[in-house]
């Protein structure tokens, strides 16, 4: 799926991912390729990314991403997610 991660400062990532686990306000959930359309609010926690190409992260934001096992992790304070037509957009703070 196509993934775009946007913060108030800049676009942190534009590329592909195979799975994204998110800290939703009603509990964690995961989005996979071809997931049904969804819009949700996110709470503070970790966004876990699989199939993520960290080389596409601008160098000035690389420090925001860490590796835990086979996942790339981004800590967030809040956010919104929209999945539609295999395009996932994360607006994060």
N, C-alpha and C. Protein backbone atom coordinates (compact mmCIF):
# COMPACT_ATOMS: atom_id res chain seq x y z
N UNK A 1 0.84 -1.17 0.00
CA UNK A 1 0.00 0.00 0.00
C UNK A 1 0.89 1.23 0.00
N UNK A 2 0.35 2.32 -0.49
CA UNK A 2 1.07 3.60 -0.47
C UNK A 2 0.84 4.25 0.88
N UNK A 3 1.90 4.76 1.46
CA UNK A 3 1.85 5.37 2.78
C UNK A 3 2.45 6.76 2.73
N UNK A 4 1.75 7.71 3.35
CA UNK A 4 2.25 9.06 3.50
C UNK A 4 2.10 9.44 4.97
N UNK A 5 3.20 9.87 5.59
CA UNK A 5 3.18 10.32 6.98
C UNK A 5 3.49 11.81 6.98
N UNK A 6 2.56 12.59 7.52
CA UNK A 6 2.69 14.05 7.49
C UNK A 6 2.62 14.57 8.92
N UNK A 7 3.58 15.43 9.27
CA UNK A 7 3.58 16.12 10.57
C UNK A 7 3.35 17.60 10.31
N UNK A 8 3.13 18.40 11.36
CA UNK A 8 2.98 19.84 11.14
C UNK A 8 4.21 20.48 10.50
N UNK A 9 5.39 19.88 10.71
CA UNK A 9 6.63 20.44 10.18
C UNK A 9 6.87 20.09 8.71
N UNK A 10 6.54 18.87 8.32
CA UNK A 10 6.89 18.41 6.97
C UNK A 10 6.30 17.04 6.70
N UNK A 11 6.44 16.60 5.47
CA UNK A 11 6.12 15.22 5.12
C UNK A 11 7.29 14.36 5.57
N UNK A 12 7.02 13.40 6.46
CA UNK A 12 8.07 12.55 7.02
C UNK A 12 8.39 11.36 6.12
N UNK A 13 7.39 10.90 5.35
CA UNK A 13 7.61 9.71 4.53
C UNK A 13 6.58 9.66 3.42
N UNK A 14 7.02 9.25 2.24
CA UNK A 14 6.15 8.91 1.12
C UNK A 14 6.75 7.66 0.49
N UNK A 15 6.01 6.58 0.53
CA UNK A 15 6.53 5.33 -0.03
C UNK A 15 5.54 4.21 0.24
N UNK A 16 6.07 3.00 0.30
CA UNK A 16 5.25 1.81 0.50
C UNK A 16 5.37 1.28 1.91
N UNK A 17 4.37 0.50 2.31
CA UNK A 17 4.39 -0.27 3.55
C UNK A 17 3.47 -1.46 3.34
N UNK A 18 3.73 -2.54 4.07
CA UNK A 18 2.87 -3.72 3.93
C UNK A 18 1.88 -3.84 5.09
N UNK A 19 2.22 -3.23 6.25
CA UNK A 19 1.33 -3.25 7.41
C UNK A 19 1.67 -2.07 8.31
N UNK A 20 0.63 -1.50 8.93
CA UNK A 20 0.82 -0.39 9.85
C UNK A 20 -0.08 -0.64 11.06
N UNK A 21 0.53 -0.72 12.25
CA UNK A 21 -0.21 -0.87 13.50
C UNK A 21 -0.28 0.50 14.17
N UNK A 22 -1.47 0.87 14.63
CA UNK A 22 -1.73 2.22 15.10
C UNK A 22 -2.36 2.24 16.49
N UNK A 23 -2.06 3.28 17.29
CA UNK A 23 -2.68 3.42 18.61
C UNK A 23 -3.99 4.21 18.53
N UNK A 24 -5.09 3.54 18.23
CA UNK A 24 -6.38 4.21 18.13
C UNK A 24 -6.92 4.60 19.50
N UNK A 25 -7.82 5.57 19.54
CA UNK A 25 -8.38 6.00 20.82
C UNK A 25 -9.23 4.91 21.48
N UNK A 26 -9.74 3.98 20.71
CA UNK A 26 -10.52 2.86 21.26
C UNK A 26 -9.73 1.57 21.29
N UNK A 27 -8.40 1.66 21.12
CA UNK A 27 -7.54 0.49 21.14
C UNK A 27 -6.69 0.41 19.88
N UNK A 28 -5.64 -0.36 19.95
CA UNK A 28 -4.73 -0.50 18.82
C UNK A 28 -5.40 -1.29 17.70
N UNK A 29 -5.00 -0.98 16.47
CA UNK A 29 -5.50 -1.73 15.32
C UNK A 29 -4.45 -1.71 14.22
N UNK A 30 -4.60 -2.61 13.28
CA UNK A 30 -3.62 -2.76 12.20
C UNK A 30 -4.31 -2.64 10.85
N UNK A 31 -3.62 -1.96 9.92
CA UNK A 31 -4.10 -1.85 8.56
C UNK A 31 -3.14 -2.60 7.64
N UNK A 32 -3.71 -3.43 6.78
CA UNK A 32 -2.93 -4.18 5.80
C UNK A 32 -3.30 -3.71 4.40
N UNK A 33 -2.57 -4.18 3.43
CA UNK A 33 -2.87 -3.82 2.04
C UNK A 33 -4.33 -4.16 1.72
N UNK A 34 -4.95 -3.30 0.92
CA UNK A 34 -6.34 -3.46 0.46
C UNK A 34 -7.37 -3.46 1.59
N UNK A 35 -7.05 -2.80 2.70
CA UNK A 35 -7.98 -2.68 3.82
C UNK A 35 -9.19 -1.86 3.39
N UNK A 36 -10.31 -2.11 3.99
CA UNK A 36 -11.52 -1.32 3.72
C UNK A 36 -11.27 0.14 4.11
N UNK A 37 -11.98 1.07 3.48
CA UNK A 37 -11.81 2.48 3.83
C UNK A 37 -12.09 2.72 5.31
N UNK A 38 -11.28 3.59 5.92
CA UNK A 38 -11.43 3.90 7.34
C UNK A 38 -10.84 5.28 7.61
N UNK A 39 -11.45 5.98 8.56
CA UNK A 39 -10.91 7.22 9.12
C UNK A 39 -10.97 7.04 10.63
N UNK A 40 -9.87 7.37 11.32
CA UNK A 40 -9.85 7.19 12.77
C UNK A 40 -8.93 8.22 13.42
N UNK A 41 -9.19 8.46 14.69
CA UNK A 41 -8.35 9.35 15.50
C UNK A 41 -7.36 8.49 16.26
N UNK A 42 -6.13 8.99 16.39
CA UNK A 42 -5.07 8.27 17.08
C UNK A 42 -4.72 8.96 18.38
N UNK A 43 -4.26 8.16 19.33
CA UNK A 43 -3.81 8.70 20.61
C UNK A 43 -2.30 8.53 20.73
N UNK A 44 -1.74 9.01 21.81
CA UNK A 44 -0.31 8.88 22.04
C UNK A 44 0.10 7.41 22.07
N UNK A 45 1.20 7.12 21.40
CA UNK A 45 1.69 5.75 21.36
C UNK A 45 2.67 5.54 20.23
N UNK A 46 2.80 4.29 19.81
CA UNK A 46 3.74 3.92 18.76
C UNK A 46 3.02 3.50 17.49
N UNK A 47 3.46 4.03 16.37
CA UNK A 47 3.03 3.55 15.06
C UNK A 47 4.09 2.55 14.63
N UNK A 48 3.68 1.30 14.37
CA UNK A 48 4.61 0.24 13.97
C UNK A 48 4.42 -0.04 12.49
N UNK A 49 5.53 0.04 11.76
CA UNK A 49 5.50 -0.06 10.30
C UNK A 49 6.25 -1.29 9.82
N UNK A 50 5.66 -2.03 8.88
CA UNK A 50 6.32 -3.16 8.24
C UNK A 50 6.41 -2.89 6.74
N UNK A 51 7.46 -3.40 6.12
CA UNK A 51 7.64 -3.16 4.70
C UNK A 51 7.92 -1.70 4.42
N UNK A 52 8.59 -1.06 5.34
CA UNK A 52 8.83 0.39 5.34
C UNK A 52 10.27 0.65 4.91
N UNK A 53 10.47 1.55 3.97
CA UNK A 53 11.80 1.88 3.47
C UNK A 53 12.32 3.13 4.16
N UNK A 54 13.08 2.93 5.25
CA UNK A 54 13.57 4.05 6.05
C UNK A 54 14.48 4.99 5.25
N UNK A 55 15.01 4.51 4.14
CA UNK A 55 15.86 5.36 3.29
C UNK A 55 15.08 6.50 2.65
N UNK A 56 13.75 6.39 2.62
CA UNK A 56 12.93 7.44 2.04
C UNK A 56 12.55 8.54 3.04
N UNK A 57 12.98 8.38 4.29
CA UNK A 57 12.74 9.40 5.30
C UNK A 57 13.79 10.49 5.13
N UNK A 58 13.38 11.76 5.05
CA UNK A 58 14.38 12.83 4.97
C UNK A 58 15.35 12.75 6.15
N UNK A 59 16.62 12.96 5.89
CA UNK A 59 17.65 12.79 6.93
C UNK A 59 17.38 13.65 8.16
N UNK A 60 16.77 14.79 7.99
CA UNK A 60 16.50 15.66 9.14
C UNK A 60 15.42 15.10 10.07
N UNK A 61 14.69 14.05 9.62
CA UNK A 61 13.65 13.44 10.45
C UNK A 61 13.95 11.98 10.79
N UNK A 62 15.06 11.45 10.34
CA UNK A 62 15.40 10.04 10.56
C UNK A 62 15.46 9.69 12.04
N UNK A 63 15.85 10.65 12.89
CA UNK A 63 15.96 10.39 14.33
C UNK A 63 14.61 10.09 14.98
N UNK A 64 13.51 10.39 14.32
CA UNK A 64 12.19 10.13 14.86
C UNK A 64 11.79 8.66 14.75
N UNK A 65 12.47 7.91 13.89
CA UNK A 65 12.14 6.51 13.63
C UNK A 65 13.18 5.60 14.29
N UNK A 66 12.70 4.55 14.94
CA UNK A 66 13.59 3.56 15.54
C UNK A 66 13.23 2.17 15.02
N UNK A 67 14.08 1.22 15.29
CA UNK A 67 13.83 -0.16 14.88
C UNK A 67 13.61 -1.01 16.12
N UNK A 68 12.53 -1.78 16.11
CA UNK A 68 12.23 -2.74 17.18
C UNK A 68 11.91 -4.06 16.51
N UNK A 69 12.85 -4.99 16.57
CA UNK A 69 12.68 -6.26 15.87
C UNK A 69 12.65 -6.00 14.37
N UNK A 70 11.61 -6.47 13.71
CA UNK A 70 11.48 -6.26 12.27
C UNK A 70 10.63 -5.04 11.93
N UNK A 71 10.19 -4.31 12.96
CA UNK A 71 9.34 -3.14 12.76
C UNK A 71 10.14 -1.85 12.80
N UNK A 72 9.69 -0.87 12.07
CA UNK A 72 10.15 0.51 12.22
C UNK A 72 9.08 1.20 13.05
N UNK A 73 9.50 1.97 14.05
CA UNK A 73 8.56 2.55 15.01
C UNK A 73 8.67 4.07 15.00
N UNK A 74 7.52 4.72 15.04
CA UNK A 74 7.43 6.17 15.14
C UNK A 74 6.55 6.49 16.34
N UNK A 75 7.07 7.22 17.31
CA UNK A 75 6.28 7.65 18.46
C UNK A 75 5.47 8.88 18.09
N UNK A 76 4.19 8.89 18.50
CA UNK A 76 3.33 10.04 18.22
C UNK A 76 2.62 10.48 19.49
N UNK A 77 2.18 11.74 19.51
CA UNK A 77 1.37 12.26 20.61
C UNK A 77 -0.12 12.18 20.29
N UNK A 78 -0.44 12.35 19.01
CA UNK A 78 -1.83 12.25 18.54
C UNK A 78 -1.81 12.20 17.02
N UNK A 79 -2.99 12.01 16.43
CA UNK A 79 -3.03 12.00 14.98
C UNK A 79 -4.36 11.55 14.43
N UNK A 80 -4.38 11.45 13.12
CA UNK A 80 -5.54 10.99 12.37
C UNK A 80 -5.04 10.10 11.25
N UNK A 81 -5.81 9.09 10.92
CA UNK A 81 -5.45 8.19 9.83
C UNK A 81 -6.63 8.06 8.87
N UNK A 82 -6.30 8.00 7.58
CA UNK A 82 -7.31 7.73 6.56
C UNK A 82 -6.76 6.69 5.61
N UNK A 83 -7.54 5.64 5.39
CA UNK A 83 -7.18 4.60 4.43
C UNK A 83 -8.28 4.56 3.37
N UNK A 84 -7.87 4.71 2.11
CA UNK A 84 -8.84 4.71 1.02
C UNK A 84 -8.13 4.28 -0.26
N UNK A 85 -8.67 3.31 -0.95
CA UNK A 85 -8.14 2.81 -2.22
C UNK A 85 -6.65 2.46 -2.13
N UNK A 86 -6.30 1.76 -1.05
CA UNK A 86 -4.94 1.27 -0.80
C UNK A 86 -3.92 2.41 -0.61
N UNK A 87 -4.42 3.59 -0.26
CA UNK A 87 -3.58 4.74 0.09
C UNK A 87 -3.84 5.09 1.55
N UNK A 88 -2.79 5.09 2.35
CA UNK A 88 -2.89 5.36 3.77
C UNK A 88 -2.20 6.69 4.05
N UNK A 89 -2.94 7.61 4.68
CA UNK A 89 -2.40 8.90 5.05
C UNK A 89 -2.45 9.03 6.56
N UNK A 90 -1.30 9.29 7.17
CA UNK A 90 -1.20 9.52 8.61
C UNK A 90 -0.86 10.99 8.84
N UNK A 91 -1.70 11.68 9.58
CA UNK A 91 -1.41 13.03 10.03
C UNK A 91 -1.04 12.89 11.50
N UNK A 92 0.22 13.17 11.84
CA UNK A 92 0.70 12.91 13.19
C UNK A 92 1.33 14.13 13.82
N UNK A 93 1.31 14.13 15.13
CA UNK A 93 1.94 15.18 15.91
C UNK A 93 2.85 14.53 16.94
